[in-house]
Amino acid sequence: KQWYQRRVRAPIFACILGRVFLKEKLTLPHLIATALGLTGIILIAKPSFLLTGNTESVPWYFYLIPIFGAICMGSAYTAQRYIGQRVNKIAISVHMCLAGIIASFIFQTVSRDRYVIPGCLTTRALLVFAGITSVANILAINIGLHYEKASTASLMRNLDTVLAFLLQVVLFGEAADVLSLIGTALIVTGTVLLTLSQMYGVECGVEL
């Protein structure tokens, strides 16, 4: 649920912050892509509290956690876009990785959670793989934000929901229901629309 709420709200905060601090234009293709992407994520994630009305009894501050995560993600896109025009992309990626390492040690110390190296070789390999792909993700985002607006980059990242869904189907044999397929189609449609509008400079005469 937290992942769903953060993933849905992050593009919204990225668009708002990009507009306020970077003066990025929000055009009709952005709005359509946002609506299609958010709807698609909802259909794929199928949050029980939204689609089935299941509201679990949780503390009020529980709902602030994903909102805080979304604000952090949107702020990161905006900051990366701003400094990406002034600082080398590799330098930005290195500093982000170092900051992540320092923050991880701080959180681990505060939570008093003892670090234990997994005994399973497969688990170790997957951890290394996750680390490498995470660094590649950071580098790819920094390169993309050097050329594209924060709001557009955030919307493009909706494709990671589609990829995660497809990998679950292929690798873990999870069933692909109708809602998930419709959600996938909506996200892809929104992303293609936004890509074409950026390629051909189509703004449809709407600017916010």
N, C-alpha and C. Protein backbone atom coordinates (compact mmCIF):
# COMPACT_ATOMS: atom_id res chain seq x y z
N LYS A 1 0.83 -1.20 0.00
CA LYS A 1 0.00 0.00 0.00
C LYS A 1 0.87 1.26 0.00
N GLN A 2 1.92 1.24 0.80
CA GLN A 2 2.80 2.41 0.83
C GLN A 2 3.45 2.63 -0.52
N TRP A 3 3.87 1.52 -1.16
CA TRP A 3 4.47 1.66 -2.49
C TRP A 3 3.49 2.28 -3.45
N TYR A 4 2.24 1.82 -3.41
CA TYR A 4 1.22 2.35 -4.32
C TYR A 4 1.02 3.84 -4.11
N GLN A 5 0.84 4.24 -2.84
CA GLN A 5 0.58 5.65 -2.57
C GLN A 5 1.76 6.53 -2.96
N ARG A 6 2.98 6.08 -2.69
CA ARG A 6 4.15 6.87 -3.05
C ARG A 6 4.30 6.96 -4.56
N ARG A 7 4.09 5.83 -5.25
CA ARG A 7 4.29 5.79 -6.70
C ARG A 7 3.26 6.64 -7.42
N VAL A 8 2.03 6.67 -6.89
CA VAL A 8 0.98 7.46 -7.52
C VAL A 8 1.23 8.96 -7.33
N ARG A 9 1.68 9.34 -6.14
CA ARG A 9 1.80 10.76 -5.83
C ARG A 9 3.11 11.38 -6.31
N ALA A 10 4.15 10.58 -6.50
CA ALA A 10 5.46 11.13 -6.87
C ALA A 10 5.41 11.97 -8.14
N PRO A 11 4.78 11.50 -9.25
CA PRO A 11 4.73 12.35 -10.44
C PRO A 11 4.00 13.66 -10.20
N ILE A 12 2.98 13.63 -9.33
CA ILE A 12 2.24 14.86 -9.04
C ILE A 12 3.15 15.88 -8.37
N PHE A 13 3.90 15.44 -7.34
CA PHE A 13 4.80 16.35 -6.65
C PHE A 13 5.92 16.81 -7.58
N ALA A 14 6.40 15.92 -8.45
CA ALA A 14 7.45 16.30 -9.39
C ALA A 14 6.96 17.38 -10.34
N CYS A 15 5.72 17.25 -10.80
CA CYS A 15 5.14 18.26 -11.70
C CYS A 15 4.99 19.60 -10.98
N ILE A 16 4.49 19.56 -9.74
CA ILE A 16 4.28 20.79 -8.98
C ILE A 16 5.61 21.49 -8.68
N LEU A 17 6.57 20.71 -8.17
CA LEU A 17 7.86 21.29 -7.81
C LEU A 17 8.61 21.78 -9.04
N GLY A 18 8.51 21.00 -10.14
CA GLY A 18 9.17 21.43 -11.37
C GLY A 18 8.59 22.72 -11.91
N ARG A 19 7.27 22.85 -11.76
CA ARG A 19 6.61 24.07 -12.24
C ARG A 19 6.98 25.27 -11.36
N VAL A 20 7.01 25.08 -10.04
CA VAL A 20 7.26 26.18 -9.11
C VAL A 20 8.71 26.63 -9.14
N PHE A 21 9.64 25.66 -9.06
CA PHE A 21 11.05 26.02 -8.89
C PHE A 21 11.83 26.08 -10.21
N LEU A 22 11.44 25.28 -11.19
CA LEU A 22 12.18 25.25 -12.46
C LEU A 22 11.41 25.90 -13.60
N LYS A 23 10.19 26.36 -13.31
CA LYS A 23 9.36 27.02 -14.32
C LYS A 23 9.10 26.11 -15.52
N GLU A 24 8.94 24.82 -15.27
CA GLU A 24 8.65 23.87 -16.35
C GLU A 24 7.18 23.95 -16.74
N LYS A 25 6.92 23.91 -18.03
CA LYS A 25 5.55 23.99 -18.52
C LYS A 25 4.82 22.66 -18.33
N LEU A 26 3.56 22.74 -17.97
CA LEU A 26 2.70 21.56 -17.91
C LEU A 26 1.67 21.69 -19.02
N THR A 27 1.78 20.83 -20.02
CA THR A 27 0.92 20.91 -21.17
C THR A 27 -0.14 19.81 -21.12
N LEU A 28 -1.05 19.84 -22.08
CA LEU A 28 -2.12 18.84 -22.14
C LEU A 28 -1.58 17.41 -22.21
N PRO A 29 -0.55 17.12 -23.02
CA PRO A 29 0.00 15.75 -23.02
C PRO A 29 0.50 15.32 -21.64
N HIS A 30 1.05 16.24 -20.85
CA HIS A 30 1.49 15.91 -19.49
C HIS A 30 0.29 15.50 -18.63
N LEU A 31 -0.78 16.27 -18.73
CA LEU A 31 -1.96 15.98 -17.92
C LEU A 31 -2.61 14.66 -18.31
N ILE A 32 -2.68 14.39 -19.61
CA ILE A 32 -3.27 13.13 -20.08
C ILE A 32 -2.40 11.95 -19.65
N ALA A 33 -1.08 12.09 -19.83
CA ALA A 33 -0.16 11.02 -19.43
C ALA A 33 -0.22 10.77 -17.93
N THR A 34 -0.38 11.85 -17.15
CA THR A 34 -0.50 11.70 -15.70
C THR A 34 -1.75 10.92 -15.34
N ALA A 35 -2.87 11.28 -15.94
CA ALA A 35 -4.14 10.60 -15.65
C ALA A 35 -4.09 9.13 -16.05
N LEU A 36 -3.56 8.86 -17.24
CA LEU A 36 -3.46 7.47 -17.70
C LEU A 36 -2.50 6.66 -16.84
N GLY A 37 -1.37 7.27 -16.49
CA GLY A 37 -0.37 6.56 -15.69
C GLY A 37 -0.87 6.23 -14.30
N LEU A 38 -1.50 7.20 -13.65
CA LEU A 38 -2.00 6.97 -12.29
C LEU A 38 -3.13 5.94 -12.29
N THR A 39 -4.00 6.02 -13.29
CA THR A 39 -5.07 5.02 -13.39
C THR A 39 -4.49 3.64 -13.62
N GLY A 40 -3.49 3.56 -14.49
CA GLY A 40 -2.85 2.27 -14.76
C GLY A 40 -2.20 1.66 -13.54
N ILE A 41 -1.52 2.50 -12.75
CA ILE A 41 -0.87 2.01 -11.52
C ILE A 41 -1.91 1.48 -10.54
N ILE A 42 -3.04 2.18 -10.44
CA ILE A 42 -4.10 1.73 -9.54
C ILE A 42 -4.62 0.36 -9.97
N LEU A 43 -4.82 0.18 -11.28
CA LEU A 43 -5.37 -1.09 -11.78
C LEU A 43 -4.37 -2.24 -11.61
N ILE A 44 -3.09 -1.95 -11.74
CA ILE A 44 -2.08 -3.00 -11.57
C ILE A 44 -1.89 -3.33 -10.10
N ALA A 45 -1.74 -2.29 -9.27
CA ALA A 45 -1.49 -2.51 -7.84
C ALA A 45 -2.73 -3.03 -7.12
N LYS A 46 -3.91 -2.58 -7.58
CA LYS A 46 -5.18 -2.99 -6.99
C LYS A 46 -5.17 -2.86 -5.47
N PRO A 47 -4.97 -1.64 -4.96
CA PRO A 47 -4.95 -1.46 -3.50
C PRO A 47 -6.30 -1.81 -2.89
N SER A 48 -6.29 -2.67 -1.89
CA SER A 48 -7.53 -3.17 -1.31
C SER A 48 -8.35 -2.06 -0.67
N PHE A 49 -7.66 -1.08 -0.07
CA PHE A 49 -8.40 -0.03 0.62
C PHE A 49 -9.15 0.87 -0.34
N LEU A 50 -8.77 0.82 -1.65
CA LEU A 50 -9.43 1.67 -2.63
C LEU A 50 -10.44 0.90 -3.47
N LEU A 51 -10.06 -0.31 -3.90
CA LEU A 51 -10.92 -1.07 -4.80
C LEU A 51 -11.93 -1.94 -4.07
N THR A 52 -11.64 -2.32 -2.84
CA THR A 52 -12.56 -3.20 -2.11
C THR A 52 -13.13 -2.53 -0.87
N GLY A 53 -12.67 -1.31 -0.59
CA GLY A 53 -13.18 -0.61 0.57
C GLY A 53 -12.64 -1.12 1.89
N ASN A 54 -11.56 -1.91 1.85
CA ASN A 54 -10.97 -2.46 3.06
C ASN A 54 -10.07 -1.43 3.71
N THR A 55 -10.52 -0.83 4.76
CA THR A 55 -9.72 0.17 5.47
C THR A 55 -9.23 -0.44 6.77
N GLU A 56 -7.96 -0.74 6.81
CA GLU A 56 -7.38 -1.36 7.99
C GLU A 56 -7.21 -0.34 9.10
N SER A 57 -7.26 -0.81 10.32
CA SER A 57 -7.09 0.08 11.47
C SER A 57 -5.60 0.32 11.69
N VAL A 58 -5.13 1.48 11.28
CA VAL A 58 -3.72 1.82 11.42
C VAL A 58 -3.64 3.23 11.99
N PRO A 59 -2.53 3.56 12.64
CA PRO A 59 -2.36 4.92 13.17
C PRO A 59 -2.42 5.96 12.05
N TRP A 60 -2.88 7.17 12.39
CA TRP A 60 -3.05 8.22 11.39
C TRP A 60 -1.74 8.56 10.70
N TYR A 61 -0.62 8.49 11.46
CA TYR A 61 0.65 8.88 10.86
C TYR A 61 1.15 7.87 9.83
N PHE A 62 0.53 6.69 9.78
CA PHE A 62 0.91 5.69 8.78
C PHE A 62 0.76 6.25 7.37
N TYR A 63 -0.29 7.04 7.17
CA TYR A 63 -0.57 7.57 5.84
C TYR A 63 0.37 8.72 5.47
N LEU A 64 1.09 9.27 6.44
CA LEU A 64 2.04 10.34 6.15
C LEU A 64 3.35 9.79 5.59
N ILE A 65 3.63 8.51 5.86
CA ILE A 65 4.89 7.91 5.40
C ILE A 65 4.99 7.89 3.88
N PRO A 66 3.98 7.33 3.15
CA PRO A 66 4.08 7.34 1.69
C PRO A 66 4.02 8.74 1.09
N ILE A 67 3.29 9.65 1.77
CA ILE A 67 3.25 11.03 1.28
C ILE A 67 4.64 11.65 1.38
N PHE A 68 5.30 11.41 2.52
CA PHE A 68 6.67 11.91 2.70
C PHE A 68 7.60 11.31 1.65
N GLY A 69 7.44 10.00 1.36
CA GLY A 69 8.25 9.37 0.34
C GLY A 69 8.02 9.97 -1.03
N ALA A 70 6.76 10.29 -1.34
CA ALA A 70 6.44 10.89 -2.64
C ALA A 70 7.05 12.28 -2.75
N ILE A 71 6.98 13.06 -1.65
CA ILE A 71 7.58 14.40 -1.66
C ILE A 71 9.10 14.30 -1.86
N CYS A 72 9.72 13.33 -1.18
CA CYS A 72 11.17 13.12 -1.34
C CYS A 72 11.52 12.76 -2.77
N MET A 73 10.73 11.86 -3.37
CA MET A 73 11.01 11.44 -4.74
C MET A 73 10.84 12.61 -5.71
N GLY A 74 9.75 13.36 -5.55
CA GLY A 74 9.53 14.52 -6.41
C GLY A 74 10.60 15.57 -6.23
N SER A 75 11.02 15.78 -4.98
CA SER A 75 12.08 16.75 -4.71
C SER A 75 13.41 16.30 -5.32
N ALA A 76 13.66 14.99 -5.27
CA ALA A 76 14.90 14.47 -5.85
C ALA A 76 14.95 14.72 -7.35
N TYR A 77 13.83 14.47 -8.03
CA TYR A 77 13.78 14.74 -9.47
C TYR A 77 14.06 16.21 -9.76
N THR A 78 13.44 17.09 -8.98
CA THR A 78 13.61 18.52 -9.21
C THR A 78 15.04 18.96 -8.95
N ALA A 79 15.62 18.47 -7.85
CA ALA A 79 17.01 18.84 -7.52
C ALA A 79 17.98 18.30 -8.56
N GLN A 80 17.77 17.04 -8.99
CA GLN A 80 18.65 16.46 -10.00
C GLN A 80 18.56 17.22 -11.31
N ARG A 81 17.36 17.63 -11.67
CA ARG A 81 17.19 18.40 -12.90
C ARG A 81 17.91 19.74 -12.81
N TYR A 82 17.82 20.38 -11.63
CA TYR A 82 18.43 21.70 -11.45
C TYR A 82 19.95 21.62 -11.51
N ILE A 83 20.53 20.71 -10.74
CA ILE A 83 22.00 20.64 -10.69
C ILE A 83 22.57 19.89 -11.89
N GLY A 84 21.70 19.15 -12.61
CA GLY A 84 22.19 18.38 -13.76
C GLY A 84 22.72 19.24 -14.88
N GLN A 85 22.31 20.51 -14.89
CA GLN A 85 22.80 21.43 -15.91
C GLN A 85 24.13 22.06 -15.52
N ARG A 86 24.57 21.82 -14.28
CA ARG A 86 25.77 22.48 -13.77
C ARG A 86 26.85 21.53 -13.30
N VAL A 87 26.46 20.30 -12.94
CA VAL A 87 27.39 19.34 -12.38
C VAL A 87 27.42 18.09 -13.26
N ASN A 88 28.61 17.48 -13.34
CA ASN A 88 28.77 16.27 -14.13
C ASN A 88 27.84 15.17 -13.64
N LYS A 89 27.24 14.43 -14.58
CA LYS A 89 26.24 13.41 -14.25
C LYS A 89 26.83 12.29 -13.39
N ILE A 90 28.07 11.92 -13.66
CA ILE A 90 28.71 10.86 -12.87
C ILE A 90 28.94 11.34 -11.45
N ALA A 91 29.35 12.60 -11.30
CA ALA A 91 29.58 13.16 -9.97
C ALA A 91 28.29 13.17 -9.15
N ILE A 92 27.19 13.51 -9.79
CA ILE A 92 25.90 13.51 -9.10
C ILE A 92 25.56 12.10 -8.62
N SER A 93 25.75 11.12 -9.49
CA SER A 93 25.43 9.73 -9.15
C SER A 93 26.28 9.23 -8.00
N VAL A 94 27.58 9.56 -8.03
CA VAL A 94 28.49 9.13 -6.96
C VAL A 94 28.06 9.74 -5.62
N HIS A 95 27.74 11.02 -5.62
CA HIS A 95 27.32 11.68 -4.38
C HIS A 95 26.01 11.10 -3.86
N MET A 96 25.09 10.75 -4.76
CA MET A 96 23.83 10.15 -4.33
C MET A 96 24.07 8.78 -3.69
N CYS A 97 24.96 7.99 -4.29
CA CYS A 97 25.28 6.67 -3.74
C CYS A 97 25.95 6.79 -2.36
N LEU A 98 26.90 7.74 -2.25
CA LEU A 98 27.57 7.95 -0.97
C LEU A 98 26.58 8.41 0.11
N ALA A 99 25.69 9.30 -0.27
CA ALA A 99 24.68 9.77 0.68
C ALA A 99 23.77 8.63 1.11
N GLY A 100 23.46 7.73 0.17
CA GLY A 100 22.64 6.57 0.50
C GLY A 100 23.32 5.64 1.47
N ILE A 101 24.63 5.44 1.29
CA ILE A 101 25.39 4.57 2.20
C ILE A 101 25.42 5.16 3.60
N ILE A 102 25.72 6.46 3.69
CA ILE A 102 25.78 7.12 5.00
C ILE A 102 24.42 7.08 5.69
N ALA A 103 23.36 7.38 4.94
CA ALA A 103 22.01 7.36 5.51
C ALA A 103 21.63 5.97 5.98
N SER A 104 22.05 4.93 5.23
CA SER A 104 21.73 3.56 5.62
C SER A 104 22.37 3.20 6.95
N PHE A 105 23.63 3.57 7.12
CA PHE A 105 24.31 3.30 8.39
C PHE A 105 23.67 4.06 9.54
N ILE A 106 23.25 5.29 9.28
CA ILE A 106 22.59 6.08 10.33
C ILE A 106 21.27 5.42 10.74
N PHE A 107 20.46 5.05 9.75
CA PHE A 107 19.17 4.43 10.05
C PHE A 107 19.35 3.10 10.76
N GLN A 108 20.38 2.36 10.34
CA GLN A 108 20.63 1.07 10.98
C GLN A 108 21.05 1.26 12.43
N THR A 109 21.87 2.27 12.68
CA THR A 109 22.31 2.54 14.04
C THR A 109 21.15 2.99 14.93
N VAL A 110 20.33 3.87 14.40
CA VAL A 110 19.20 4.38 15.16
C VAL A 110 18.20 3.27 15.47
N SER A 111 17.95 2.41 14.48
CA SER A 111 16.98 1.33 14.67
C SER A 111 17.56 0.14 15.44
N ARG A 112 18.89 0.15 15.65
CA ARG A 112 19.58 -0.93 16.35
C ARG A 112 19.36 -2.29 15.68
N ASP A 113 19.26 -2.25 14.37
CA ASP A 113 19.07 -3.47 13.60
C ASP A 113 20.45 -4.00 13.18
N ARG A 114 20.82 -5.16 13.68
CA ARG A 114 22.16 -5.70 13.42
C ARG A 114 22.27 -6.18 11.98
N TYR A 115 23.36 -5.77 11.31
CA TYR A 115 23.58 -6.17 9.93
C TYR A 115 24.13 -7.59 9.89
N VAL A 116 23.47 -8.44 9.13
CA VAL A 116 23.88 -9.84 9.01
C VAL A 116 24.00 -10.18 7.53
N ILE A 117 25.15 -10.71 7.14
CA ILE A 117 25.34 -11.13 5.75
C ILE A 117 24.54 -12.41 5.51
N PRO A 118 23.70 -12.44 4.50
CA PRO A 118 22.89 -13.63 4.23
C PRO A 118 23.76 -14.86 3.99
N GLY A 119 23.34 -15.99 4.51
CA GLY A 119 24.11 -17.22 4.34
C GLY A 119 23.89 -17.88 2.99
N CYS A 120 22.75 -17.59 2.37
CA CYS A 120 22.42 -18.21 1.09
C CYS A 120 23.17 -17.51 -0.04
N LEU A 121 23.85 -18.30 -0.87
CA LEU A 121 24.62 -17.74 -1.98
C LEU A 121 23.70 -17.05 -2.98
N THR A 122 22.54 -17.62 -3.23
CA THR A 122 21.59 -17.02 -4.16
C THR A 122 21.14 -15.65 -3.67
N THR A 123 20.87 -15.55 -2.37
CA THR A 123 20.45 -14.28 -1.80
C THR A 123 21.55 -13.24 -1.92
N ARG A 124 22.79 -13.65 -1.68
CA ARG A 124 23.91 -12.73 -1.83
C ARG A 124 24.01 -12.22 -3.26
N ALA A 125 23.88 -13.14 -4.20
CA ALA A 125 23.97 -12.77 -5.61
C ALA A 125 22.86 -11.79 -5.99
N LEU A 126 21.66 -12.03 -5.48
CA LEU A 126 20.54 -11.15 -5.78
C LEU A 126 20.75 -9.77 -5.15
N LEU A 127 21.35 -9.72 -3.96
CA LEU A 127 21.64 -8.44 -3.34
C LEU A 127 22.64 -7.64 -4.16
N VAL A 128 23.68 -8.34 -4.66
CA VAL A 128 24.66 -7.67 -5.51
C VAL A 128 24.00 -7.17 -6.80
N PHE A 129 23.15 -8.02 -7.37
CA PHE A 129 22.43 -7.65 -8.59
C PHE A 129 21.54 -6.43 -8.34
N ALA A 130 20.82 -6.44 -7.20
CA ALA A 130 19.96 -5.31 -6.86
C ALA A 130 20.77 -4.04 -6.68
N GLY A 131 21.96 -4.15 -6.07
CA GLY A 131 22.81 -2.99 -5.89
C GLY A 131 23.30 -2.42 -7.21
N ILE A 132 23.73 -3.31 -8.11
CA ILE A 132 24.23 -2.86 -9.41
C ILE A 132 23.13 -2.19 -10.22
N THR A 133 21.96 -2.81 -10.26
CA THR A 133 20.85 -2.24 -11.03
C THR A 133 20.36 -0.93 -10.41
N SER A 134 20.45 -0.80 -9.08
CA SER A 134 20.06 0.46 -8.44
C SER A 134 21.00 1.60 -8.82
N VAL A 135 22.31 1.30 -8.87
CA VAL A 135 23.28 2.31 -9.30
C VAL A 135 23.04 2.68 -10.75
N ALA A 136 22.77 1.67 -11.59
CA ALA A 136 22.48 1.93 -13.00
C ALA A 136 21.22 2.79 -13.13
N ASN A 137 20.25 2.54 -12.26
CA ASN A 137 19.02 3.33 -12.26
C ASN A 137 19.31 4.79 -11.93
N ILE A 138 20.12 5.02 -10.91
CA ILE A 138 20.48 6.39 -10.53
C ILE A 138 21.20 7.11 -11.67
N LEU A 139 22.13 6.41 -12.30
CA LEU A 139 22.89 7.01 -13.41
C LEU A 139 21.96 7.33 -14.58
N ALA A 140 21.06 6.39 -14.90
CA ALA A 140 20.15 6.60 -16.03
C ALA A 140 19.22 7.79 -15.77
N ILE A 141 18.74 7.92 -14.53
CA ILE A 141 17.87 9.04 -14.20
C ILE A 141 18.61 10.36 -14.33
N ASN A 142 19.85 10.40 -13.85
CA ASN A 142 20.64 11.63 -13.94
C ASN A 142 20.90 12.03 -15.38
N ILE A 143 21.18 11.03 -16.22
CA ILE A 143 21.40 11.32 -17.64
C ILE A 143 20.11 11.84 -18.27
N GLY A 144 18.98 11.17 -17.94
CA GLY A 144 17.70 11.59 -18.50
C GLY A 144 17.30 12.98 -18.06
N LEU A 145 17.53 13.30 -16.79
CA LEU A 145 17.16 14.61 -16.28
C LEU A 145 18.06 15.72 -16.81
N HIS A 146 19.20 15.35 -17.36
CA HIS A 146 20.07 16.35 -17.99
C HIS A 146 19.43 16.88 -19.26
N TYR A 147 18.59 16.05 -19.89
CA TYR A 147 18.00 16.43 -21.18
C TYR A 147 16.50 16.67 -21.10
N GLU A 148 15.85 16.18 -20.05
CA GLU A 148 14.39 16.27 -20.00
C GLU A 148 13.92 16.87 -18.69
N LYS A 149 12.68 17.38 -18.69
CA LYS A 149 12.11 18.02 -17.51
C LYS A 149 11.83 17.01 -16.42
N ALA A 150 11.81 17.49 -15.17
CA ALA A 150 11.56 16.61 -14.02
C ALA A 150 10.18 15.98 -14.11
N SER A 151 9.18 16.76 -14.52
CA SER A 151 7.82 16.23 -14.61
C SER A 151 7.74 15.12 -15.65
N THR A 152 8.39 15.31 -16.78
CA THR A 152 8.36 14.29 -17.84
C THR A 152 9.10 13.04 -17.41
N ALA A 153 10.26 13.20 -16.78
CA ALA A 153 11.04 12.05 -16.34
C ALA A 153 10.27 11.24 -15.30
N SER A 154 9.58 11.92 -14.41
CA SER A 154 8.81 11.23 -13.38
C SER A 154 7.69 10.41 -14.01
N LEU A 155 7.04 10.97 -15.02
CA LEU A 155 5.96 10.24 -15.69
C LEU A 155 6.51 9.06 -16.48
N MET A 156 7.68 9.23 -17.09
CA MET A 156 8.29 8.13 -17.83
C MET A 156 8.59 6.94 -16.92
N ARG A 157 8.88 7.22 -15.67
CA ARG A 157 9.22 6.15 -14.74
C ARG A 157 8.03 5.29 -14.37
N ASN A 158 6.84 5.67 -14.81
CA ASN A 158 5.69 4.79 -14.60
C ASN A 158 5.88 3.45 -15.29
N LEU A 159 6.78 3.44 -16.27
CA LEU A 159 7.04 2.18 -16.98
C LEU A 159 7.66 1.13 -16.07
N ASP A 160 8.28 1.54 -14.95
CA ASP A 160 8.86 0.53 -14.07
C ASP A 160 7.77 -0.33 -13.43
N THR A 161 6.56 0.24 -13.29
CA THR A 161 5.43 -0.55 -12.80
C THR A 161 5.06 -1.64 -13.79
N VAL A 162 5.08 -1.28 -15.08
CA VAL A 162 4.78 -2.25 -16.12
C VAL A 162 5.83 -3.35 -16.16
N LEU A 163 7.10 -2.96 -16.09
CA LEU A 163 8.18 -3.94 -16.14
C LEU A 163 8.12 -4.88 -14.93
N ALA A 164 7.88 -4.31 -13.74
CA ALA A 164 7.79 -5.14 -12.54
C ALA A 164 6.64 -6.14 -12.66
N PHE A 165 5.52 -5.69 -13.20
CA PHE A 165 4.36 -6.57 -13.39
C PHE A 165 4.69 -7.71 -14.37
N LEU A 166 5.34 -7.36 -15.49
CA LEU A 166 5.68 -8.38 -16.50
C LEU A 166 6.69 -9.38 -15.95
N LEU A 167 7.67 -8.90 -15.17
CA LEU A 167 8.65 -9.80 -14.58
C LEU A 167 8.01 -10.76 -13.57
N GLN A 168 7.03 -10.27 -12.83
CA GLN A 168 6.32 -11.14 -11.90
C GLN A 168 5.57 -12.24 -12.64
N VAL A 169 5.00 -11.88 -13.77
CA VAL A 169 4.28 -12.88 -14.57
C VAL A 169 5.23 -13.91 -15.14
N VAL A 170 6.37 -13.44 -15.68
CA VAL A 170 7.31 -14.34 -16.36
C VAL A 170 8.12 -15.17 -15.36
N LEU A 171 8.66 -14.51 -14.33
CA LEU A 171 9.58 -15.20 -13.42
C LEU A 171 8.87 -15.93 -12.28
N PHE A 172 7.76 -15.38 -11.80
CA PHE A 172 7.10 -15.97 -10.63
C PHE A 172 5.76 -16.59 -10.95
N GLY A 173 5.38 -16.54 -12.23
CA GLY A 173 4.16 -17.22 -12.64
C GLY A 173 2.88 -16.62 -12.11
N GLU A 174 2.90 -15.34 -11.76
CA GLU A 174 1.67 -14.71 -11.27
C GLU A 174 0.69 -14.51 -12.42
N ALA A 175 -0.58 -14.73 -12.12
CA ALA A 175 -1.61 -14.62 -13.15
C ALA A 175 -1.83 -13.16 -13.53
N ALA A 176 -1.99 -12.92 -14.82
CA ALA A 176 -2.25 -11.57 -15.33
C ALA A 176 -3.76 -11.43 -15.54
N ASP A 177 -4.43 -10.68 -14.64
CA ASP A 177 -5.86 -10.51 -14.78
C ASP A 177 -6.18 -9.36 -15.72
N VAL A 178 -7.46 -9.18 -15.98
CA VAL A 178 -7.90 -8.18 -16.95
C VAL A 178 -7.54 -6.76 -16.49
N LEU A 179 -7.74 -6.47 -15.20
CA LEU A 179 -7.44 -5.13 -14.70
C LEU A 179 -5.96 -4.78 -14.85
N SER A 180 -5.09 -5.76 -14.57
CA SER A 180 -3.66 -5.52 -14.71
C SER A 180 -3.27 -5.26 -16.16
N LEU A 181 -3.86 -6.00 -17.07
CA LEU A 181 -3.58 -5.80 -18.49
C LEU A 181 -4.07 -4.44 -18.97
N ILE A 182 -5.25 -4.05 -18.50
CA ILE A 182 -5.77 -2.73 -18.86
C ILE A 182 -4.86 -1.64 -18.29
N GLY A 183 -4.44 -1.82 -17.04
CA GLY A 183 -3.54 -0.85 -16.43
C GLY A 183 -2.23 -0.73 -17.18
N THR A 184 -1.68 -1.87 -17.60
CA THR A 184 -0.45 -1.86 -18.39
C THR A 184 -0.63 -1.08 -19.68
N ALA A 185 -1.75 -1.33 -20.35
CA ALA A 185 -2.03 -0.65 -21.62
C ALA A 185 -2.16 0.86 -21.41
N LEU A 186 -2.78 1.27 -20.31
CA LEU A 186 -2.96 2.70 -20.04
C LEU A 186 -1.61 3.38 -19.80
N ILE A 187 -0.75 2.74 -19.01
CA ILE A 187 0.57 3.33 -18.73
C ILE A 187 1.39 3.45 -20.01
N VAL A 188 1.40 2.39 -20.80
CA VAL A 188 2.16 2.42 -22.06
C VAL A 188 1.60 3.49 -22.99
N THR A 189 0.27 3.59 -23.07
CA THR A 189 -0.35 4.60 -23.93
C THR A 189 0.03 6.01 -23.49
N GLY A 190 -0.03 6.26 -22.19
CA GLY A 190 0.34 7.58 -21.68
C GLY A 190 1.80 7.90 -21.95
N THR A 191 2.67 6.91 -21.78
CA THR A 191 4.09 7.13 -22.00
C THR A 191 4.40 7.39 -23.47
N VAL A 192 3.76 6.61 -24.36
CA VAL A 192 3.95 6.81 -25.80
C VAL A 192 3.45 8.18 -26.21
N LEU A 193 2.29 8.59 -25.69
CA LEU A 193 1.73 9.90 -26.01
C LEU A 193 2.69 11.01 -25.58
N LEU A 194 3.21 10.89 -24.37
CA LEU A 194 4.12 11.91 -23.86
C LEU A 194 5.41 11.93 -24.67
N THR A 195 5.92 10.75 -25.03
CA THR A 195 7.15 10.67 -25.83
C THR A 195 6.97 11.33 -27.18
N LEU A 196 5.85 11.03 -27.85
CA LEU A 196 5.60 11.61 -29.17
C LEU A 196 5.43 13.13 -29.08
N SER A 197 4.75 13.58 -28.02
CA SER A 197 4.56 15.03 -27.87
C SER A 197 5.90 15.74 -27.63
N GLN A 198 6.82 15.06 -26.92
CA GLN A 198 8.14 15.66 -26.70
C GLN A 198 8.98 15.63 -27.98
N MET A 199 8.85 14.55 -28.74
CA MET A 199 9.63 14.42 -29.97
C MET A 199 9.23 15.46 -31.01
N TYR A 200 7.92 15.70 -31.10
CA TYR A 200 7.43 16.59 -32.15
C TYR A 200 7.00 17.96 -31.63
N GLY A 201 7.24 18.21 -30.33
CA GLY A 201 6.95 19.52 -29.77
C GLY A 201 5.48 19.85 -29.73
N VAL A 202 4.63 18.83 -29.53
CA VAL A 202 3.19 19.05 -29.51
C VAL A 202 2.77 19.46 -28.11
N GLU A 203 2.13 20.61 -27.97
CA GLU A 203 1.67 21.10 -26.68
C GLU A 203 0.16 21.27 -26.63
N CYS A 204 -0.49 21.14 -27.79
CA CYS A 204 -1.96 21.21 -27.88
C CYS A 204 -2.52 22.54 -27.37
N GLY A 205 -1.70 23.56 -27.34
CA GLY A 205 -2.18 24.88 -26.98
C GLY A 205 -2.57 25.06 -25.53
N VAL A 206 -2.21 24.11 -24.67
CA VAL A 206 -2.56 24.21 -23.26
C VAL A 206 -1.29 24.30 -22.44
N GLU A 207 -1.24 25.27 -21.57
CA GLU A 207 -0.07 25.44 -20.71
C GLU A 207 -0.52 25.91 -19.34
N LEU A 208 0.01 25.26 -18.30
CA LEU A 208 -0.35 25.64 -16.93
C LEU A 208 0.87 26.24 -16.23
